[in-house]
N, C-alpha and C. Protein backbone atom coordinates (compact mmCIF):
# COMPACT_ATOMS: atom_id res chain seq x y z
N MET A 1 0.57 -1.06 0.44
CA MET A 1 -0.18 0.07 0.14
C MET A 1 0.59 1.01 -0.04
N ASN A 2 0.09 2.88 -0.99
CA ASN A 2 1.19 3.69 -1.26
C ASN A 2 0.25 4.45 0.42
N VAL A 3 1.68 4.65 0.79
CA VAL A 3 0.85 4.95 1.97
C VAL A 3 1.94 6.99 2.00
N ALA A 4 1.59 7.80 1.91
CA ALA A 4 2.26 9.29 1.69
C ALA A 4 1.38 10.09 3.39
N ILE A 5 2.35 11.10 3.75
CA ILE A 5 2.20 11.98 5.03
C ILE A 5 3.10 12.92 4.29
N VAL A 6 1.73 13.93 4.75
CA VAL A 6 1.97 15.36 3.94
C VAL A 6 3.34 16.01 5.14
N LYS A 7 3.91 17.31 4.47
CA LYS A 7 4.96 17.05 4.59
C LYS A 7 4.67 19.01 4.64
N TYR A 8 4.79 19.70 5.56
CA TYR A 8 4.64 20.54 6.05
C TYR A 8 4.91 21.02 7.81
N ASN A 9 5.07 22.73 7.84
CA ASN A 9 6.15 22.75 9.29
C ASN A 9 5.34 22.31 10.78
N ALA A 10 5.38 21.49 11.14
CA ALA A 10 4.59 20.67 11.47
C ALA A 10 5.61 19.98 12.66
N GLY A 11 5.05 19.45 14.00
CA GLY A 11 6.14 18.70 14.43
C GLY A 11 4.88 17.50 14.01
N ASN A 12 6.26 16.40 15.05
CA ASN A 12 5.13 15.41 15.29
C ASN A 12 5.33 13.74 14.20
N ILE A 13 5.97 14.07 12.90
CA ILE A 13 5.79 13.78 12.07
C ILE A 13 6.57 12.28 11.85
N PHE A 14 7.67 12.44 12.59
CA PHE A 14 8.47 11.02 12.28
C PHE A 14 7.67 10.32 13.24
N SER A 15 7.75 10.61 14.24
CA SER A 15 7.08 9.39 15.14
C SER A 15 5.23 8.51 14.21
N VAL A 16 5.03 9.50 13.74
CA VAL A 16 4.01 8.42 12.83
C VAL A 16 4.85 7.75 11.92
N VAL A 17 5.64 8.12 11.11
CA VAL A 17 6.41 7.08 10.81
C VAL A 17 6.97 6.19 10.86
N ASN A 18 7.57 6.11 12.07
CA ASN A 18 8.40 4.63 12.90
C ASN A 18 7.38 3.89 12.99
N THR A 19 5.37 4.92 13.65
CA THR A 19 4.54 4.30 14.17
C THR A 19 4.23 2.96 12.89
N LEU A 20 4.17 3.72 11.46
CA LEU A 20 3.30 3.03 10.46
C LEU A 20 4.74 1.58 9.92
N LYS A 21 5.89 2.38 10.18
CA LYS A 21 6.99 1.19 10.12
C LYS A 21 6.38 -0.20 10.51
N ARG A 22 6.56 0.11 11.66
CA ARG A 22 5.63 -0.84 12.55
C ARG A 22 5.33 -1.65 12.52
N LEU A 23 3.92 -0.98 11.38
CA LEU A 23 2.81 -2.29 11.00
C LEU A 23 2.89 -2.78 9.12
N GLY A 24 4.41 -2.27 9.30
CA GLY A 24 4.72 -3.44 8.24
C GLY A 24 4.83 -2.07 6.37
N VAL A 25 4.68 -0.56 7.50
CA VAL A 25 4.18 0.40 5.74
C VAL A 25 5.41 1.15 6.06
N GLU A 26 6.32 1.30 4.50
CA GLU A 26 7.34 2.65 4.41
C GLU A 26 6.62 3.45 3.67
N PRO A 27 6.05 4.90 4.37
CA PRO A 27 5.59 5.43 3.72
C PRO A 27 6.35 6.96 3.49
N LEU A 28 5.70 8.09 2.17
CA LEU A 28 7.05 8.57 2.10
C LEU A 28 5.93 9.69 2.35
N LEU A 29 7.20 10.87 2.64
CA LEU A 29 6.92 12.31 3.77
C LEU A 29 7.01 12.87 2.84
N THR A 30 6.25 13.79 1.75
CA THR A 30 6.37 15.01 0.75
C THR A 30 5.42 16.34 0.78
N ASP A 31 5.62 16.80 0.50
CA ASP A 31 4.83 18.22 -0.25
C ASP A 31 4.37 18.23 -1.82
N ASP A 32 5.51 16.90 -2.21
CA ASP A 32 4.68 17.03 -3.52
C ASP A 32 3.53 16.40 -4.49
N ALA A 33 2.39 17.45 -4.63
CA ALA A 33 0.67 18.04 -5.52
C ALA A 33 0.66 16.24 -5.82
N GLU A 34 1.82 15.92 -6.63
CA GLU A 34 1.68 14.57 -7.88
C GLU A 34 0.96 13.22 -6.39
N GLU A 35 3.04 13.31 -5.88
CA GLU A 35 2.60 11.86 -4.95
C GLU A 35 1.34 12.38 -4.28
N LEU A 36 1.13 13.31 -3.48
CA LEU A 36 0.04 12.83 -3.07
C LEU A 36 -1.68 12.99 -3.70
N HIS A 37 -1.79 12.93 -4.67
CA HIS A 37 -2.77 12.48 -5.36
C HIS A 37 -2.59 11.25 -5.77
N LYS A 38 -1.56 10.08 -5.68
CA LYS A 38 -1.10 8.94 -6.17
C LYS A 38 -1.62 8.07 -5.01
N ALA A 39 -1.32 9.12 -4.13
CA ALA A 39 -1.20 7.61 -2.55
C ALA A 39 -2.78 6.84 -2.44
N ASP A 40 -2.43 5.69 -2.03
CA ASP A 40 -3.54 5.12 -2.19
C ASP A 40 -4.28 5.90 -0.66
N ARG A 41 -3.11 5.99 0.46
CA ARG A 41 -3.61 6.70 2.29
C ARG A 41 -2.80 8.40 2.05
N VAL A 42 -2.65 8.98 2.81
CA VAL A 42 -3.26 10.49 3.03
C VAL A 42 -2.95 10.69 4.20
N ILE A 43 -2.33 11.07 5.44
CA ILE A 43 -1.80 11.41 6.47
C ILE A 43 -1.05 12.61 6.59
N PHE A 44 -1.83 13.44 7.41
CA PHE A 44 -2.44 14.80 7.42
C PHE A 44 -2.06 15.64 9.23
N PRO A 45 -0.85 14.72 9.35
CA PRO A 45 -0.07 14.56 11.00
C PRO A 45 0.38 15.74 11.62
N GLY A 46 1.06 16.21 12.83
CA GLY A 46 0.73 17.55 13.18
C GLY A 46 0.48 17.93 14.30
N GLN A 47 1.32 18.76 14.62
CA GLN A 47 1.62 18.91 16.36
C GLN A 47 2.03 20.42 16.42
N GLY A 48 1.76 21.80 16.51
CA GLY A 48 2.02 23.37 16.59
C GLY A 48 1.12 24.04 16.79
N GLU A 49 1.31 24.95 15.41
CA GLU A 49 0.72 26.33 15.92
C GLU A 49 -0.50 26.46 14.56
N ALA A 50 -1.53 27.06 14.43
CA ALA A 50 -2.09 27.05 13.38
C ALA A 50 -1.96 27.72 12.27
N ARG A 51 -2.10 29.17 13.00
CA ARG A 51 -1.12 30.55 12.01
C ARG A 51 -0.90 30.17 11.09
N GLY A 52 0.47 30.08 11.55
CA GLY A 52 2.14 29.32 10.79
C GLY A 52 1.86 28.14 10.40
N ALA A 53 0.62 27.09 10.30
CA ALA A 53 0.86 26.48 9.81
C ALA A 53 -0.07 26.71 8.12
N MET A 54 -0.62 27.39 8.72
CA MET A 54 -1.37 27.55 7.19
C MET A 54 -1.73 28.35 6.16
N GLU A 55 -0.42 29.06 6.91
CA GLU A 55 0.69 30.72 5.72
C GLU A 55 1.32 29.61 5.68
N TYR A 56 1.67 28.66 5.95
CA TYR A 56 2.84 27.15 5.34
C TYR A 56 1.84 26.60 3.97
N LEU A 57 0.99 25.78 4.46
CA LEU A 57 0.22 25.76 3.53
C LEU A 57 -0.13 26.61 2.35
N LYS A 58 -0.64 27.20 2.80
CA LYS A 58 -1.40 28.25 1.83
C LYS A 58 -0.24 29.10 0.36
N ALA A 59 1.42 28.77 1.63
CA ALA A 59 2.16 29.91 -0.04
C ALA A 59 2.13 28.58 -1.01
N ARG A 60 2.52 26.61 -0.35
CA ARG A 60 2.68 26.17 -0.87
C ARG A 60 1.30 25.97 -1.66
N LYS A 61 0.56 26.40 -2.01
CA LYS A 61 -1.29 25.39 -1.76
C LYS A 61 -1.28 23.88 -2.10
N LEU A 62 -0.99 23.68 -0.49
CA LEU A 62 -1.45 22.69 -0.32
C LEU A 62 -2.30 22.90 0.22
N ASP A 63 -2.98 24.20 0.78
CA ASP A 63 -4.35 23.32 1.89
C ASP A 63 -5.04 22.97 -0.19
N GLU A 64 -4.80 24.46 -0.69
CA GLU A 64 -5.95 23.40 -1.60
C GLU A 64 -6.01 21.70 -2.36
N LEU A 65 -4.73 21.79 -2.54
CA LEU A 65 -4.07 20.37 -2.68
C LEU A 65 -5.24 19.04 -1.30
N ILE A 66 -4.90 19.42 0.15
CA ILE A 66 -5.47 18.28 0.77
C ILE A 66 -7.22 18.77 0.36
N ARG A 67 -8.19 19.86 0.35
CA ARG A 67 -9.16 19.72 -0.21
C ARG A 67 -9.59 18.81 -0.93
N SER A 68 -9.10 18.34 -1.91
CA SER A 68 -9.21 17.94 -3.57
C SER A 68 -8.61 16.12 -3.26
N LEU A 69 -8.20 15.96 -2.35
CA LEU A 69 -7.38 14.11 -2.52
C LEU A 69 -9.18 12.92 -2.29
N GLN A 70 -8.80 12.51 -3.12
CA GLN A 70 -10.45 12.10 -2.92
C GLN A 70 -10.19 10.68 -2.52
N GLN A 71 -8.80 10.02 -2.28
CA GLN A 71 -8.76 8.71 -1.11
C GLN A 71 -9.08 8.72 0.24
N PRO A 72 -8.61 8.09 1.17
CA PRO A 72 -8.91 8.22 2.12
C PRO A 72 -7.53 9.31 3.35
N VAL A 73 -8.09 10.17 3.75
CA VAL A 73 -7.16 11.30 4.55
C VAL A 73 -7.35 11.22 6.19
N LEU A 74 -6.64 10.79 6.76
CA LEU A 74 -6.40 10.62 8.46
C LEU A 74 -5.60 12.28 8.76
N GLY A 75 -6.09 12.96 9.22
CA GLY A 75 -5.86 13.98 10.15
C GLY A 75 -5.77 14.22 12.02
N ILE A 76 -4.63 13.88 11.89
CA ILE A 76 -3.50 14.24 13.76
C ILE A 76 -3.84 15.21 14.39
N CYS A 77 -4.57 14.88 15.45
CA CYS A 77 -4.28 16.59 16.05
C CYS A 77 -3.97 17.84 15.47
N VAL A 78 -2.78 18.57 15.50
CA VAL A 78 -3.53 19.79 14.55
C VAL A 78 -4.14 19.73 13.36
N GLY A 79 -3.97 17.99 12.65
CA GLY A 79 -4.07 17.92 11.11
C GLY A 79 -5.40 18.09 10.96
N GLN A 80 -6.14 17.36 12.54
CA GLN A 80 -7.81 17.83 12.45
C GLN A 80 -8.40 18.89 12.83
N GLN A 81 -7.34 20.08 13.71
CA GLN A 81 -7.79 21.56 13.42
C GLN A 81 -7.92 22.08 12.01
N LEU A 82 -6.78 21.58 11.90
CA LEU A 82 -6.77 21.82 9.72
C LEU A 82 -7.18 21.79 8.79
N LEU A 83 -8.12 21.37 9.05
CA LEU A 83 -9.27 20.39 7.72
C LEU A 83 -10.50 21.20 8.52
N CYS A 84 -10.18 21.90 9.79
CA CYS A 84 -11.94 22.30 10.11
C CYS A 84 -11.87 24.07 9.59
N ARG A 85 -13.18 24.08 9.84
CA ARG A 85 -12.74 25.81 8.86
C ARG A 85 -12.71 26.80 9.30
N HIS A 86 -12.35 27.53 11.02
CA HIS A 86 -11.45 28.11 11.26
C HIS A 86 -11.18 27.82 12.38
N SER A 87 -9.87 28.53 13.00
CA SER A 87 -9.45 28.21 15.11
C SER A 87 -9.52 29.71 15.57
N GLU A 88 -9.44 29.70 16.28
CA GLU A 88 -9.41 30.71 17.47
C GLU A 88 -8.07 30.42 17.53
N GLU A 89 -7.56 29.93 17.57
CA GLU A 89 -5.99 30.25 17.82
C GLU A 89 -5.39 31.43 16.51
N GLY A 90 -5.24 32.01 17.11
CA GLY A 90 -4.50 33.15 15.17
C GLY A 90 -5.64 33.48 14.94
N ASP A 91 -7.32 33.51 15.06
CA ASP A 91 -7.82 34.27 13.69
C ASP A 91 -7.43 33.02 13.61
N THR A 92 -7.21 31.63 12.95
CA THR A 92 -6.85 31.49 11.84
C THR A 92 -8.74 30.72 11.02
N ASP A 93 -8.68 31.31 9.54
CA ASP A 93 -9.04 29.91 8.64
C ASP A 93 -8.52 29.47 7.78
N CYS A 94 -8.82 27.93 8.06
CA CYS A 94 -8.63 26.18 7.79
C CYS A 94 -8.50 25.96 6.48
N ILE A 95 -8.48 24.65 6.27
CA ILE A 95 -9.12 24.10 5.02
C ILE A 95 -10.66 24.34 4.89
N GLY A 96 -11.57 23.93 5.53
CA GLY A 96 -12.92 24.00 5.10
C GLY A 96 -12.78 21.75 4.62
N VAL A 97 -12.82 21.24 5.10
CA VAL A 97 -13.54 20.41 5.25
C VAL A 97 -14.56 20.44 5.38
N PHE A 98 -13.99 19.77 7.57
CA PHE A 98 -14.89 20.00 8.57
C PHE A 98 -16.28 21.09 8.67
N ASP A 99 -17.02 21.51 8.61
CA ASP A 99 -17.62 23.01 9.05
C ASP A 99 -17.69 22.97 10.58
N ALA A 100 -16.78 23.05 11.50
CA ALA A 100 -16.29 23.20 12.65
C ALA A 100 -15.75 24.58 12.56
N GLU A 101 -16.04 25.43 14.33
CA GLU A 101 -14.62 25.92 14.88
C GLU A 101 -14.17 25.57 15.59
N VAL A 102 -13.05 26.13 15.57
CA VAL A 102 -11.84 25.58 16.10
C VAL A 102 -11.65 26.60 17.86
N LYS A 103 -12.23 25.63 18.85
CA LYS A 103 -11.79 26.67 20.32
C LYS A 103 -10.95 26.49 21.34
N ARG A 104 -10.44 27.37 21.70
CA ARG A 104 -9.85 27.88 23.12
C ARG A 104 -10.05 26.70 24.02
N PHE A 105 -9.24 25.90 24.77
CA PHE A 105 -10.33 25.49 26.00
C PHE A 105 -10.10 26.38 27.66
N ARG A 106 -11.09 26.82 28.19
CA ARG A 106 -10.71 28.20 28.89
C ARG A 106 -11.72 27.32 30.60
N PRO A 107 -10.56 27.33 30.88
CA PRO A 107 -10.68 26.07 32.25
C PRO A 107 -11.97 26.60 32.98
N ASN A 108 -13.00 26.46 33.62
CA ASN A 108 -13.23 26.31 34.91
C ASN A 108 -12.91 26.55 36.61
N ARG A 109 -12.34 25.67 36.97
CA ARG A 109 -11.66 25.78 37.79
C ARG A 109 -9.99 25.15 37.90
N HIS A 110 -9.43 25.48 38.43
CA HIS A 110 -7.93 25.84 39.01
C HIS A 110 -7.18 23.93 38.67
N GLU A 111 -8.12 23.26 38.90
CA GLU A 111 -7.57 21.66 38.43
C GLU A 111 -7.56 21.62 36.85
N GLU A 112 -8.31 22.30 35.92
CA GLU A 112 -8.37 21.88 34.76
C GLU A 112 -7.24 23.17 34.38
N LYS A 113 -5.81 22.20 33.67
CA LYS A 113 -4.97 22.42 33.07
C LYS A 113 -4.85 22.61 31.98
N VAL A 114 -4.71 23.43 30.86
CA VAL A 114 -4.10 23.63 30.01
C VAL A 114 -2.98 24.18 28.76
N PRO A 115 -2.29 22.50 28.47
CA PRO A 115 -2.97 22.38 27.60
C PRO A 115 -3.62 21.10 28.80
N CYS A 116 -3.98 20.95 28.25
CA CYS A 116 -4.81 19.02 28.31
C CYS A 116 -4.02 17.87 28.07
N MET A 117 -3.32 17.64 28.55
CA MET A 117 -2.39 16.71 28.18
C MET A 117 -2.46 15.11 28.84
N GLY A 118 -2.44 14.43 28.62
CA GLY A 118 -1.93 12.76 29.05
C GLY A 118 -3.88 11.55 28.53
N TRP A 119 -3.70 11.37 29.01
CA TRP A 119 -4.32 9.47 28.60
C TRP A 119 -5.73 10.15 29.17
N ASN A 120 -6.63 10.04 27.84
CA ASN A 120 -7.91 9.95 28.00
C ASN A 120 -9.16 9.14 27.52
N ARG A 121 -10.48 8.79 27.45
CA ARG A 121 -11.04 7.48 27.10
C ARG A 121 -11.42 8.35 25.55
N LEU A 122 -12.17 7.20 25.42
CA LEU A 122 -13.21 7.70 24.03
C LEU A 122 -14.52 6.87 24.32
N TYR A 123 -15.49 8.22 23.67
CA TYR A 123 -16.86 7.67 24.21
C TYR A 123 -17.88 7.50 22.96
N ASP A 124 -18.80 6.84 22.65
CA ASP A 124 -19.50 7.20 21.82
C ASP A 124 -19.28 7.52 20.41
N THR A 125 -18.59 6.18 20.21
CA THR A 125 -16.77 5.88 18.59
C THR A 125 -18.67 5.71 17.62
N SER A 126 -18.19 5.64 16.20
CA SER A 126 -19.22 5.33 15.44
C SER A 126 -17.83 5.38 14.17
N SER A 127 -18.51 4.55 12.54
CA SER A 127 -17.80 4.84 11.30
C SER A 127 -16.54 3.87 11.72
N PRO A 128 -15.98 3.04 10.80
CA PRO A 128 -15.34 1.29 10.95
C PRO A 128 -14.40 2.59 11.19
N LEU A 129 -13.56 3.49 11.35
CA LEU A 129 -11.61 4.12 12.00
C LEU A 129 -12.05 4.42 13.79
N MET A 130 -12.70 3.71 13.23
CA MET A 130 -13.16 3.80 15.69
C MET A 130 -13.55 2.36 16.17
N LYS A 131 -13.27 1.03 14.95
CA LYS A 131 -13.71 -0.08 15.27
C LYS A 131 -12.58 -0.92 16.27
N GLY A 132 -13.44 -0.92 17.05
CA GLY A 132 -13.06 -1.91 18.07
C GLY A 132 -12.87 -0.59 19.69
N LEU A 133 -12.96 0.20 19.82
CA LEU A 133 -12.39 1.16 20.22
C LEU A 133 -12.42 1.69 21.51
N GLU A 134 -14.04 1.46 21.33
CA GLU A 134 -14.91 2.21 22.33
C GLU A 134 -14.13 2.00 24.02
N GLN A 135 -14.83 2.69 24.97
CA GLN A 135 -14.30 2.93 26.27
C GLN A 135 -12.46 2.45 26.01
N GLN A 136 -11.53 3.18 24.67
CA GLN A 136 -10.15 2.16 25.20
C GLN A 136 -10.20 3.98 25.42
N TYR A 137 -8.44 4.06 25.89
CA TYR A 137 -7.64 5.46 26.26
C TYR A 137 -6.85 5.76 24.99
N VAL A 138 -6.75 6.67 24.94
CA VAL A 138 -5.61 7.44 23.92
C VAL A 138 -4.76 7.96 24.55
N TYR A 139 -3.99 8.82 23.81
CA TYR A 139 -3.06 10.45 24.64
C TYR A 139 -3.54 11.60 23.64
N PHE A 140 -3.54 12.21 24.53
CA PHE A 140 -4.12 13.61 24.54
C PHE A 140 -2.36 14.71 24.18
N VAL A 141 -2.83 15.92 23.48
CA VAL A 141 -2.37 17.03 23.88
C VAL A 141 -2.44 17.97 23.32
N HIS A 142 -3.42 19.23 23.98
CA HIS A 142 -3.48 20.50 22.96
C HIS A 142 -4.26 21.23 23.98
N SER A 143 -4.64 21.63 23.96
CA SER A 143 -5.01 23.32 24.18
C SER A 143 -6.36 23.78 22.98
N PHE A 144 -7.19 22.83 22.15
CA PHE A 144 -7.83 23.64 21.56
C PHE A 144 -8.21 22.33 21.13
N TYR A 145 -9.78 22.53 20.01
CA TYR A 145 -10.61 21.72 20.81
C TYR A 145 -12.17 22.07 19.43
N VAL A 146 -11.72 20.93 19.31
CA VAL A 146 -13.50 20.62 18.14
C VAL A 146 -14.85 19.90 18.61
N PRO A 147 -15.47 21.51 18.56
CA PRO A 147 -16.96 21.12 19.90
C PRO A 147 -17.86 19.76 19.30
N LEU A 148 -18.06 19.45 19.26
CA LEU A 148 -18.49 18.06 18.65
C LEU A 148 -19.88 18.68 17.75
N CYS A 149 -20.02 18.05 17.10
CA CYS A 149 -21.33 18.44 15.65
C CYS A 149 -21.26 16.62 14.85
N PRO A 150 -21.82 17.64 14.33
CA PRO A 150 -22.32 16.04 12.89
C PRO A 150 -21.59 15.32 12.75
N GLU A 151 -20.22 15.99 12.24
CA GLU A 151 -18.69 14.36 11.94
C GLU A 151 -18.06 14.46 13.00
N THR A 152 -18.65 13.94 13.94
CA THR A 152 -17.60 13.88 15.42
C THR A 152 -18.10 11.98 15.66
N ILE A 153 -17.28 11.84 15.64
CA ILE A 153 -17.31 10.02 15.13
C ILE A 153 -16.73 9.45 16.96
N ALA A 154 -16.30 10.21 18.11
CA ALA A 154 -15.68 9.82 19.05
C ALA A 154 -15.42 11.14 19.94
N THR A 155 -15.65 10.33 20.51
CA THR A 155 -15.76 11.47 22.17
C THR A 155 -15.36 11.86 23.26
N ALA A 156 -14.53 12.85 24.17
CA ALA A 156 -13.25 12.39 24.59
C ALA A 156 -14.52 13.75 25.55
N ASP A 157 -13.80 14.27 27.06
CA ASP A 157 -14.79 14.62 27.53
C ASP A 157 -12.79 15.11 28.64
N TYR A 158 -12.89 16.64 28.24
CA TYR A 158 -12.10 17.86 28.79
C TYR A 158 -12.42 18.55 29.38
N ILE A 159 -12.74 19.19 30.53
CA ILE A 159 -13.92 20.53 30.37
C ILE A 159 -14.80 20.39 30.11
N ILE A 160 -15.22 20.28 28.25
CA ILE A 160 -16.72 19.87 28.03
C ILE A 160 -16.50 18.99 27.36
N PRO A 161 -17.20 17.84 27.32
CA PRO A 161 -17.48 16.55 25.93
C PRO A 161 -17.00 17.49 24.70
N TYR A 162 -15.84 17.01 24.05
CA TYR A 162 -15.14 17.25 22.80
C TYR A 162 -15.48 16.59 21.48
N SER A 163 -14.90 16.71 20.39
CA SER A 163 -14.82 15.74 18.93
C SER A 163 -13.58 15.40 19.47
N ALA A 164 -13.05 13.61 20.06
CA ALA A 164 -11.88 13.21 20.19
C ALA A 164 -11.60 13.01 18.43
N ALA A 165 -13.08 12.35 17.88
CA ALA A 165 -12.24 12.51 15.91
C ALA A 165 -13.69 12.28 15.25
N LEU A 166 -13.32 13.24 14.14
CA LEU A 166 -14.23 13.53 12.97
C LEU A 166 -14.27 12.24 11.66
N HIS A 167 -14.81 12.58 11.07
CA HIS A 167 -15.62 12.24 9.81
C HIS A 167 -16.74 12.12 8.92
N LYS A 168 -15.90 12.41 6.93
CA LYS A 168 -16.60 13.53 6.81
C LYS A 168 -16.31 12.92 5.21
N ASP A 169 -17.17 12.44 4.19
CA ASP A 169 -16.51 11.75 3.23
C ASP A 169 -15.35 10.64 3.42
N ASN A 170 -14.06 11.12 2.78
CA ASN A 170 -13.10 10.59 2.48
C ASN A 170 -12.46 10.82 3.51
N PHE A 171 -12.88 12.17 4.17
CA PHE A 171 -11.23 12.59 5.30
C PHE A 171 -12.12 12.03 7.13
N TYR A 172 -10.94 11.71 7.32
CA TYR A 172 -11.45 11.37 8.60
C TYR A 172 -9.72 12.41 9.58
N ALA A 173 -10.84 12.31 10.55
CA ALA A 173 -9.60 12.94 11.78
C ALA A 173 -9.78 12.33 13.37
N THR A 174 -8.26 12.99 14.11
CA THR A 174 -8.05 12.06 15.47
C THR A 174 -7.58 13.31 16.41
N GLN A 175 -8.29 13.73 17.44
CA GLN A 175 -7.75 15.34 17.65
C GLN A 175 -6.49 14.20 19.34
N PHE A 176 -6.65 12.85 19.36
CA PHE A 176 -5.53 12.82 19.61
C PHE A 176 -4.33 12.04 18.77
N HIS A 177 -3.02 10.84 19.68
CA HIS A 177 -2.04 11.60 18.79
C HIS A 177 -2.19 9.32 19.16
N PRO A 178 -2.59 9.03 17.47
CA PRO A 178 -3.09 7.95 17.52
C PRO A 178 -1.10 6.73 17.58
N GLU A 179 -0.35 7.53 16.80
CA GLU A 179 0.97 6.94 16.82
C GLU A 179 1.74 7.69 18.39
N LYS A 180 1.39 7.66 20.17
CA LYS A 180 1.12 7.30 20.67
C LYS A 180 0.48 6.67 21.78
N SER A 181 -0.89 5.71 20.78
CA SER A 181 -1.82 5.61 22.18
C SER A 181 -1.43 4.84 22.48
N GLY A 182 -0.21 3.58 22.34
CA GLY A 182 0.29 2.53 21.76
C GLY A 182 -1.30 1.18 21.32
N ASP A 183 -1.71 0.29 21.88
CA ASP A 183 -2.32 -0.56 20.83
C ASP A 183 -3.14 -0.25 20.81
N ALA A 184 -3.82 0.71 21.16
CA ALA A 184 -5.66 1.31 20.20
C ALA A 184 -4.43 2.17 19.94
N GLY A 185 -3.95 2.93 19.75
CA GLY A 185 -3.34 4.28 18.87
C GLY A 185 -3.66 3.50 17.45
N GLU A 186 -2.56 2.38 17.47
CA GLU A 186 -2.03 1.24 16.16
C GLU A 186 -3.57 0.57 15.86
N GLN A 187 -4.63 0.39 16.45
CA GLN A 187 -5.64 0.10 15.53
C GLN A 187 -6.34 0.97 14.91
N ILE A 188 -6.39 2.09 15.21
CA ILE A 188 -7.29 3.51 14.30
C ILE A 188 -5.94 3.11 13.14
N LEU A 189 -4.42 3.15 13.31
CA LEU A 189 -4.90 3.43 12.24
C LEU A 189 -4.22 1.92 11.25
N LYS A 190 -4.41 0.90 11.95
CA LYS A 190 -4.42 -0.66 10.83
C LYS A 190 -6.05 0.33 10.62
N ASN A 191 -6.91 0.66 11.14
CA ASN A 191 -8.31 1.03 11.29
C ASN A 191 -7.88 1.84 9.18
N PHE A 192 -7.38 2.38 10.26
CA PHE A 192 -7.47 3.61 8.72
C PHE A 192 -6.89 3.03 6.96
N LEU A 193 -5.69 2.14 7.20
CA LEU A 193 -5.67 1.73 6.66
C LEU A 193 -6.03 0.50 6.19
N ASP A 194 -7.35 -0.33 6.29
CA ASP A 194 -7.68 -1.19 5.67
C ASP A 194 -9.13 -0.81 5.30
N LEU A 195 -9.51 0.34 5.25
CA LEU A 195 -10.76 1.26 5.14
C LEU A 195 -10.93 1.24 3.51
């Protein structure tokens, strides 16, 4: 299977590469339009800041390219947020696959620390991407979140319930890091490859 990972100025790409290699997949890390279009699967991972990432993507027309992809696409963490319409982080217009606004966590109590960092449980899972993952714990690191919406396929709860994963057409996305989530995370990536 030909798996491409979108290369852009975001962190955490190499942990995704290493996890895929453990699953027997040798991914291609690229920002080349032709390579991304011909891949069987495309992964759009990232850690970082929305505005700088979108400026990089727009300067290279990668935002338009990602929107045009027809094969299964998986956004991870900031990748999920950038697939939404807008982010409060830097008041940033994003790619717009999901008609959702990314919001900043606003703590109500002293013990509600931001960023949300650590293991959290998934519930209300649906879609083939989430097969076998109800009530599983996965790893999150984020200060921004996607509210619950029609495209939500898994929920997590930190301060409020929010979208742990999204799905629309050929686009899938997780707020958590499958590549840092042990067996549950590997199952997510296997499910994605099996779509």
